[in-house]
Amino acid sequence: MSQQHDRYRPAGSSTALSAAYDTALLDLDGVVYAGGEAIVHAVESLGAARDGGMHLAYVTNNALRTPDAVAEHLTELGVPAEAADVITSAQAVARLMADQLPGGSRVLVVGGEGLRVALRERGLVPVESADDDPVAVVQGYGGPDLAWGRFAEASYAVARGLPWYASNTDLTIPGARGIAPGNGAAVEVVRIATGAEPQVAGKPLPPMHRETVLRTGAERPLVVGDRLDTDIEGAFNGGVDSLLVLTGVTDAAQLLAAPPQHRPTYVDRDLRGLLTGQPEVTVEGGSDDVFRCGGWTATVRDAQDLVLEGEGAPLDGLRALCGAAWTFAGNGAFGLDTEKAVAALGL
């Protein structure tokens, strides 16, 4: 169950997270691997968590590959996995569609094999053209070589009034060479062409959380991700705790500026954070609240300056800064300049 922390500072944990939670719901891109290669410390950290009794499930908004292909890739990287350990947004959107469409419905697919396999598993029939009598349209990430004409097919069908679904709307996807356009960018192409709005299944929305719970049976899950607007918001929407790792798209400045639904329960540099407790962020009241973590203190002075003082582990400094910045922002707009404080940590 979630700690339901106050969203104004990261939570502490006196025990290793791998012992405090029964299941890690791990994002893949930016957390376990990037560009197909394992992220540093991921393989050994996941192995230690698994050997300690934690169930590992891999939850991804990337609908391109099948669970079998993802599990095979993970195993090749040194992270043993089976198809049943992988939950994709393709599976979530296929269940959503099957709940709304008659069995055997023909569906125009703009995406990869993972989406087609998921649809077939739910008794739906993938087709390739708007002229193949589809009753709905679905988009999922199709990889960097997806032909432009596929967007035209989707637009023709959506413009006719067919129901439109999207596996997810992540605008970007991390890779070995940097950040590339994700499925959300492709969805925007069809949205601009048609003016329509799709039903979306992936993180952070409820259909993905539902799919994950149904497939894993987790009782004390911990969402582990690198994105505030999908992984962390998805955990918030599902009422479960989360760990943000700084190996993907989110940097320290973005974390400090996060609104309540994007504030993780815990924050760590990488997946080694699963194997340790989390230091507590304490608050000392006064004319300005002072937030302390490890050897660092952070506060907001004169309602504008975010001040960090002390020394020690940079992540402790970041946690203290989160306490100060999130408390200052509350539930409203954030207006602090975080650049100087973040630069002092070297993150």
Protein backbone atom coordinates (compact mmCIF):
# COMPACT_ATOMS: atom_id res chain seq x y z
CA MET A 1 0.00 0.00 0.00
CA SER A 2 1.11 3.56 -0.62
CA GLN A 3 2.58 5.65 2.12
CA GLN A 4 0.47 8.50 0.71
CA HIS A 5 3.30 10.88 1.56
CA ASP A 6 2.48 14.56 1.78
CA ARG A 7 3.95 15.40 -1.67
CA TYR A 8 5.94 18.23 -0.12
CA ARG A 9 9.15 16.27 0.42
CA PRO A 10 10.52 12.86 -0.57
CA ALA A 11 9.75 10.08 1.91
CA GLY A 12 12.33 8.15 3.90
CA SER A 13 12.58 4.39 4.33
CA SER A 14 14.48 2.65 7.12
CA THR A 15 14.63 -0.59 5.10
CA ALA A 16 15.72 -1.32 1.55
CA LEU A 17 12.95 -0.60 -0.94
CA SER A 18 13.31 -4.13 -2.31
CA ALA A 19 12.24 -5.41 1.12
CA ALA A 20 9.58 -2.78 1.80
CA TYR A 21 7.67 -3.56 -1.42
CA ASP A 22 6.75 -6.95 -2.91
CA THR A 23 6.79 -5.92 -6.59
CA ALA A 24 8.76 -3.41 -8.62
CA LEU A 25 6.78 -2.10 -11.59
CA LEU A 26 9.71 -1.03 -13.73
CA ASP A 27 9.63 1.20 -16.76
CA LEU A 28 12.10 0.06 -19.42
CA ASP A 29 13.33 2.89 -21.66
CA GLY A 30 15.48 5.17 -19.53
CA VAL A 31 15.35 2.91 -16.47
CA VAL A 32 16.59 -0.57 -17.43
CA TYR A 33 18.03 0.20 -20.86
CA ALA A 34 18.53 2.99 -23.36
CA GLY A 35 18.97 2.39 -27.06
CA GLY A 36 18.91 -1.35 -26.45
CA GLU A 37 21.87 -1.35 -24.03
CA ALA A 38 21.59 -1.86 -20.30
CA ILE A 39 21.89 1.27 -18.18
CA VAL A 40 24.83 1.24 -15.78
CA HIS A 41 24.14 -0.67 -12.52
CA ALA A 42 20.77 -1.93 -13.81
CA VAL A 43 21.61 -5.60 -14.32
CA GLU A 44 23.31 -6.19 -10.98
CA SER A 45 20.77 -4.12 -9.05
CA LEU A 46 17.80 -5.97 -10.50
CA GLY A 47 19.52 -9.31 -9.90
CA ALA A 48 20.10 -8.46 -6.24
CA ALA A 49 16.51 -7.27 -5.78
CA ARG A 50 15.17 -10.45 -7.39
CA ASP A 51 17.46 -12.69 -5.33
CA GLY A 52 16.16 -10.93 -2.21
CA GLY A 53 12.59 -11.95 -3.04
CA MET A 54 11.25 -8.92 -4.90
CA HIS A 55 9.07 -9.68 -7.92
CA LEU A 56 10.15 -7.71 -10.98
CA ALA A 57 7.58 -6.67 -13.57
CA TYR A 58 8.39 -4.55 -16.61
CA VAL A 59 5.75 -1.97 -17.49
CA THR A 60 6.32 -0.01 -20.67
CA ASN A 61 4.39 2.51 -22.73
CA ASN A 62 6.37 1.36 -25.77
CA ALA A 63 3.93 -0.69 -27.85
CA LEU A 64 6.38 -1.65 -30.59
CA ARG A 65 7.63 -5.03 -29.41
CA THR A 66 5.77 -8.07 -28.11
CA PRO A 67 6.19 -9.20 -24.48
CA ASP A 68 8.11 -12.24 -25.79
CA ALA A 69 10.56 -10.00 -27.64
CA VAL A 70 11.00 -7.71 -24.63
CA ALA A 71 11.59 -10.65 -22.31
CA GLU A 72 14.14 -12.12 -24.71
CA HIS A 73 15.97 -8.79 -24.89
CA LEU A 74 16.02 -8.43 -21.11
CA THR A 75 17.37 -11.96 -20.73
CA GLU A 76 20.12 -11.23 -23.27
CA LEU A 77 21.09 -8.17 -21.22
CA GLY A 78 21.45 -10.34 -18.11
CA VAL A 79 18.02 -9.66 -16.61
CA PRO A 80 16.15 -12.99 -16.78
CA ALA A 81 12.51 -12.40 -17.70
CA GLU A 82 9.52 -14.19 -19.17
CA ALA A 83 6.77 -12.79 -21.34
CA ALA A 84 4.39 -12.85 -18.37
CA ASP A 85 6.69 -10.38 -16.58
CA VAL A 86 6.14 -7.73 -19.28
CA ILE A 87 3.12 -5.41 -19.44
CA THR A 88 2.81 -3.06 -22.39
CA SER A 89 0.53 -0.21 -23.37
CA ALA A 90 -0.41 -2.33 -26.40
CA GLN A 91 -2.00 -4.84 -24.02
CA ALA A 92 -3.75 -2.05 -22.13
CA VAL A 93 -5.23 -0.44 -25.23
CA ALA A 94 -6.25 -3.83 -26.66
CA ARG A 95 -8.21 -4.61 -23.49
CA LEU A 96 -9.79 -1.13 -23.58
CA MET A 97 -10.87 -1.65 -27.19
CA ALA A 98 -12.13 -5.19 -26.61
CA ASP A 99 -14.35 -3.88 -23.82
CA GLN A 100 -15.96 -1.40 -26.25
CA LEU A 101 -16.00 -3.17 -29.63
CA PRO A 102 -17.70 -6.38 -30.76
CA GLY A 103 -15.53 -9.49 -30.93
CA GLY A 104 -13.88 -9.96 -34.31
CA SER A 105 -13.93 -6.22 -35.11
CA ARG A 106 -11.51 -5.05 -37.78
CA VAL A 107 -9.10 -2.40 -36.49
CA LEU A 108 -6.81 -0.16 -38.56
CA VAL A 109 -3.37 -0.37 -36.94
CA VAL A 110 -0.67 2.29 -37.13
CA GLY A 111 2.17 0.77 -35.15
CA GLY A 112 4.33 -2.30 -34.71
CA GLU A 113 3.99 -6.03 -34.15
CA GLY A 114 3.48 -5.67 -30.42
CA LEU A 115 0.22 -3.85 -31.05
CA ARG A 116 -0.99 -6.36 -33.62
CA VAL A 117 -0.27 -9.31 -31.32
CA ALA A 118 -2.09 -7.65 -28.42
CA LEU A 119 -5.16 -6.99 -30.56
CA ARG A 120 -5.30 -10.59 -31.78
CA GLU A 121 -5.09 -11.82 -28.19
CA ARG A 122 -8.28 -9.84 -27.48
CA GLY A 123 -10.10 -11.23 -30.52
CA LEU A 124 -9.70 -8.14 -32.72
CA VAL A 125 -8.51 -8.24 -36.34
CA PRO A 126 -5.71 -5.86 -37.42
CA VAL A 127 -5.98 -4.33 -40.89
CA GLU A 128 -3.68 -1.98 -42.79
CA SER A 129 -5.91 0.37 -44.80
CA ALA A 130 -8.81 2.72 -44.21
CA ASP A 131 -10.39 0.88 -47.16
CA ASP A 132 -10.33 -2.49 -45.32
CA ASP A 133 -13.63 -1.72 -43.54
CA PRO A 134 -12.20 -1.08 -40.07
CA VAL A 135 -14.55 -0.08 -37.25
CA ALA A 136 -11.82 1.65 -35.21
CA VAL A 137 -8.28 3.03 -35.45
CA VAL A 138 -5.40 2.48 -33.03
CA GLN A 139 -1.94 4.05 -32.89
CA GLY A 140 1.13 2.73 -31.09
CA TYR A 141 4.85 3.43 -31.40
CA GLY A 142 6.01 1.99 -34.71
CA GLY A 143 9.72 2.67 -34.54
CA PRO A 144 11.83 5.25 -36.40
CA ASP A 145 11.07 3.77 -39.82
CA LEU A 146 7.28 4.05 -39.67
CA ALA A 147 6.16 5.35 -43.09
CA TRP A 148 4.48 8.75 -43.31
CA GLY A 149 1.66 7.18 -45.31
CA ARG A 150 0.52 5.29 -42.21
CA PHE A 151 -0.55 8.60 -40.65
CA ALA A 152 -2.54 9.38 -43.77
CA GLU A 153 -4.41 6.05 -43.46
CA ALA A 154 -5.23 6.80 -39.83
CA SER A 155 -6.38 10.31 -40.72
CA TYR A 156 -8.69 9.07 -43.50
CA ALA A 157 -10.40 6.66 -41.10
CA VAL A 158 -10.58 9.01 -38.12
CA ALA A 159 -12.01 11.78 -40.32
CA ARG A 160 -14.87 9.42 -41.19
CA GLY A 161 -15.83 9.34 -37.53
CA LEU A 162 -14.32 6.00 -36.51
CA PRO A 163 -13.35 5.60 -32.85
CA TRP A 164 -9.66 6.40 -32.38
CA TYR A 165 -7.40 4.90 -29.73
CA ALA A 166 -3.76 5.44 -28.77
CA SER A 167 -1.55 3.12 -26.77
CA ASN A 168 0.12 6.16 -25.17
CA THR A 169 0.98 9.78 -25.84
CA ASP A 170 4.63 10.01 -24.74
CA LEU A 171 6.03 12.81 -26.89
CA THR A 172 9.60 11.51 -26.63
CA ILE A 173 11.50 8.26 -26.24
CA PRO A 174 15.12 7.98 -24.99
CA GLY A 175 17.70 6.20 -27.12
CA ALA A 176 21.43 5.63 -27.34
CA ARG A 177 21.93 8.84 -29.37
CA GLY A 178 19.56 11.03 -27.37
CA ILE A 179 15.85 11.84 -27.18
CA ALA A 180 13.70 10.95 -30.20
CA PRO A 181 10.01 11.54 -31.06
CA GLY A 182 7.66 9.08 -29.37
CA ASN A 183 4.15 7.88 -30.11
CA GLY A 184 2.66 11.09 -28.76
CA ALA A 185 4.34 13.00 -31.57
CA ALA A 186 2.76 10.63 -34.09
CA VAL A 187 -0.64 11.00 -32.43
CA GLU A 188 -0.30 14.78 -32.77
CA VAL A 189 0.06 14.37 -36.55
CA VAL A 190 -3.36 12.70 -36.79
CA ARG A 191 -4.89 15.07 -34.23
CA ILE A 192 -3.78 18.10 -36.27
CA ALA A 193 -5.06 16.55 -39.50
CA THR A 194 -8.48 15.57 -38.12
CA GLY A 195 -9.21 17.69 -35.05
CA ALA A 196 -10.23 14.49 -33.24
CA GLU A 197 -9.17 13.23 -29.81
CA PRO A 198 -8.16 9.61 -29.13
CA GLN A 199 -8.91 7.45 -26.12
CA VAL A 200 -5.54 6.77 -24.49
CA ALA A 201 -4.65 3.66 -22.49
CA GLY A 202 -1.01 3.99 -21.42
CA LYS A 203 0.63 5.56 -18.41
CA PRO A 204 -0.39 7.69 -16.58
CA LEU A 205 -4.02 6.77 -17.29
CA PRO A 206 -6.15 4.17 -15.43
CA PRO A 207 -6.32 1.50 -18.19
CA MET A 208 -2.57 0.89 -17.86
CA HIS A 209 -2.72 0.68 -14.07
CA ARG A 210 -5.64 -1.74 -14.36
CA GLU A 211 -3.73 -3.93 -16.84
CA THR A 212 -0.68 -3.98 -14.58
CA VAL A 213 -2.63 -4.96 -11.46
CA LEU A 214 -4.52 -7.69 -13.31
CA ARG A 215 -1.35 -9.20 -14.75
CA THR A 216 0.98 -8.94 -11.71
CA GLY A 217 -1.30 -9.35 -8.69
CA ALA A 218 1.02 -6.98 -6.78
CA GLU A 219 -0.06 -6.17 -3.22
CA ARG A 220 2.68 -3.68 -2.26
CA PRO A 221 3.88 -2.32 -5.62
CA LEU A 222 6.56 0.30 -6.19
CA VAL A 223 6.51 2.09 -9.54
CA VAL A 224 10.05 2.75 -10.80
CA GLY A 225 10.44 5.21 -13.66
CA ASP A 226 12.30 8.10 -15.23
CA ARG A 227 9.37 10.21 -16.45
CA LEU A 228 7.33 12.51 -14.24
CA ASP A 229 4.35 12.78 -16.59
CA THR A 230 3.89 9.05 -17.17
CA ASP A 231 5.56 6.84 -14.55
CA ILE A 232 5.21 9.12 -11.53
CA GLU A 233 1.81 10.54 -12.44
CA GLY A 234 0.62 6.99 -13.16
CA ALA A 235 1.66 5.93 -9.67
CA PHE A 236 -0.11 8.99 -8.25
CA ASN A 237 -3.30 8.13 -10.14
CA GLY A 238 -3.10 4.53 -8.95
CA GLY A 239 -2.46 5.47 -5.31
CA VAL A 240 0.88 3.65 -5.11
CA ASP A 241 4.41 4.73 -4.22
CA SER A 242 7.10 5.57 -6.76
CA LEU A 243 10.85 5.80 -7.20
CA LEU A 244 12.25 8.26 -9.74
CA VAL A 245 15.65 7.38 -11.18
CA LEU A 246 17.72 10.04 -12.92
CA THR A 247 18.91 7.82 -15.78
CA GLY A 248 16.34 8.92 -18.36
CA VAL A 249 14.53 12.06 -19.43
CA THR A 250 13.98 13.81 -16.08
CA ASP A 251 16.72 16.04 -14.68
CA ALA A 252 17.08 17.70 -11.28
CA ALA A 253 15.62 21.05 -12.35
CA GLN A 254 12.49 19.39 -13.74
CA LEU A 255 12.08 17.40 -10.53
CA LEU A 256 12.24 20.54 -8.38
CA ALA A 257 9.56 22.18 -10.54
CA ALA A 258 7.20 19.20 -10.37
CA PRO A 259 3.54 19.75 -9.43
CA PRO A 260 2.09 17.43 -6.74
CA GLN A 261 0.99 14.66 -9.14
CA HIS A 262 4.54 14.49 -10.55
CA ARG A 263 6.37 14.29 -7.21
CA PRO A 264 7.84 10.82 -6.55
CA THR A 265 7.84 9.16 -3.16
CA TYR A 266 11.59 8.52 -3.49
CA VAL A 267 14.37 9.74 -5.76
CA ASP A 268 17.72 8.10 -6.55
CA ARG A 269 20.42 8.25 -9.17
CA ASP A 270 19.81 4.77 -10.65
CA LEU A 271 18.42 1.33 -9.84
CA ARG A 272 20.84 0.86 -6.96
CA GLY A 273 18.21 2.83 -5.07
CA LEU A 274 16.11 -0.34 -4.87
CA LEU A 275 18.73 -1.98 -2.66
CA THR A 276 18.99 0.69 0.02
CA GLY A 277 16.85 2.59 2.43
CA GLN A 278 16.05 6.19 1.67
CA PRO A 279 17.30 8.99 3.95
CA GLU A 280 14.66 11.05 5.67
CA VAL A 281 14.14 14.69 4.81
CA THR A 282 13.44 16.57 8.04
CA VAL A 283 12.09 20.07 8.47
CA GLU A 284 13.08 22.70 11.00
CA GLY A 285 10.50 25.44 11.41
CA GLY A 286 11.28 29.13 11.71
CA SER A 287 10.90 32.30 9.69
CA ASP A 288 11.88 30.11 6.72
CA ASP A 289 11.42 26.34 6.83
CA VAL A 290 14.79 24.61 6.57
CA PHE A 291 14.85 21.13 5.04
CA ARG A 292 17.69 18.83 6.00
CA CYS A 293 18.92 15.60 4.40
CA GLY A 294 22.32 14.17 5.21
CA GLY A 295 24.85 16.97 5.37
CA TRP A 296 22.73 19.43 3.37
CA THR A 297 20.11 22.03 4.22
CA ALA A 298 17.82 23.83 1.81
CA THR A 299 15.43 26.72 2.24
CA VAL A 300 13.63 29.44 0.31
CA ARG A 301 14.63 32.94 1.38
CA ASP A 302 12.77 36.16 0.67
CA ALA A 303 10.13 34.15 -1.20
CA GLN A 304 12.39 33.86 -4.24
CA ASP A 305 15.87 32.44 -3.55
CA LEU A 306 16.34 28.66 -3.29
CA VAL A 307 19.40 28.29 -1.06
CA LEU A 308 21.43 25.10 -0.57
CA GLU A 309 24.15 24.81 2.05
CA GLY A 310 26.35 22.01 3.38
CA GLU A 311 28.14 19.07 1.86
CA GLY A 312 27.79 15.35 1.34
CA ALA A 313 26.10 13.04 -1.14
CA PRO A 314 24.61 15.11 -4.02
CA LEU A 315 21.38 13.08 -3.94
CA ASP A 316 20.83 14.10 -0.31
CA GLY A 317 21.18 17.72 -1.40
CA LEU A 318 18.62 17.17 -4.13
CA ARG A 319 16.20 15.59 -1.67
CA ALA A 320 16.57 18.57 0.66
CA LEU A 321 15.98 20.94 -2.27
CA CYS A 322 12.82 19.02 -3.18
CA GLY A 323 11.48 19.59 0.31
CA ALA A 324 12.13 23.33 0.14
CA ALA A 325 10.94 23.83 -3.45
CA TRP A 326 7.83 21.63 -3.22
CA THR A 327 6.74 23.23 0.05
CA PHE A 328 7.21 26.71 -1.41
CA ALA A 329 5.23 25.78 -4.53
CA GLY A 330 2.49 23.99 -2.60
CA ASN A 331 -0.29 23.06 -4.99
CA GLY A 332 0.13 26.13 -7.14
CA ALA A 333 2.54 27.64 -9.61
CA PHE A 334 6.28 27.31 -9.19
CA GLY A 335 8.40 30.42 -9.58
CA LEU A 336 11.86 29.73 -8.17
CA ASP A 337 15.12 29.88 -10.08
CA THR A 338 16.66 26.48 -9.41
CA GLU A 339 19.69 26.75 -11.68
CA LYS A 340 22.25 27.85 -9.08
CA ALA A 341 21.19 25.30 -6.45
CA VAL A 342 21.21 22.42 -8.94
CA ALA A 343 24.59 23.47 -10.33
CA ALA A 344 26.09 23.25 -6.84
CA LEU A 345 25.26 19.52 -6.73
CA GLY A 346 26.90 18.63 -10.05
CA LEU A 347 23.98 16.46 -11.13
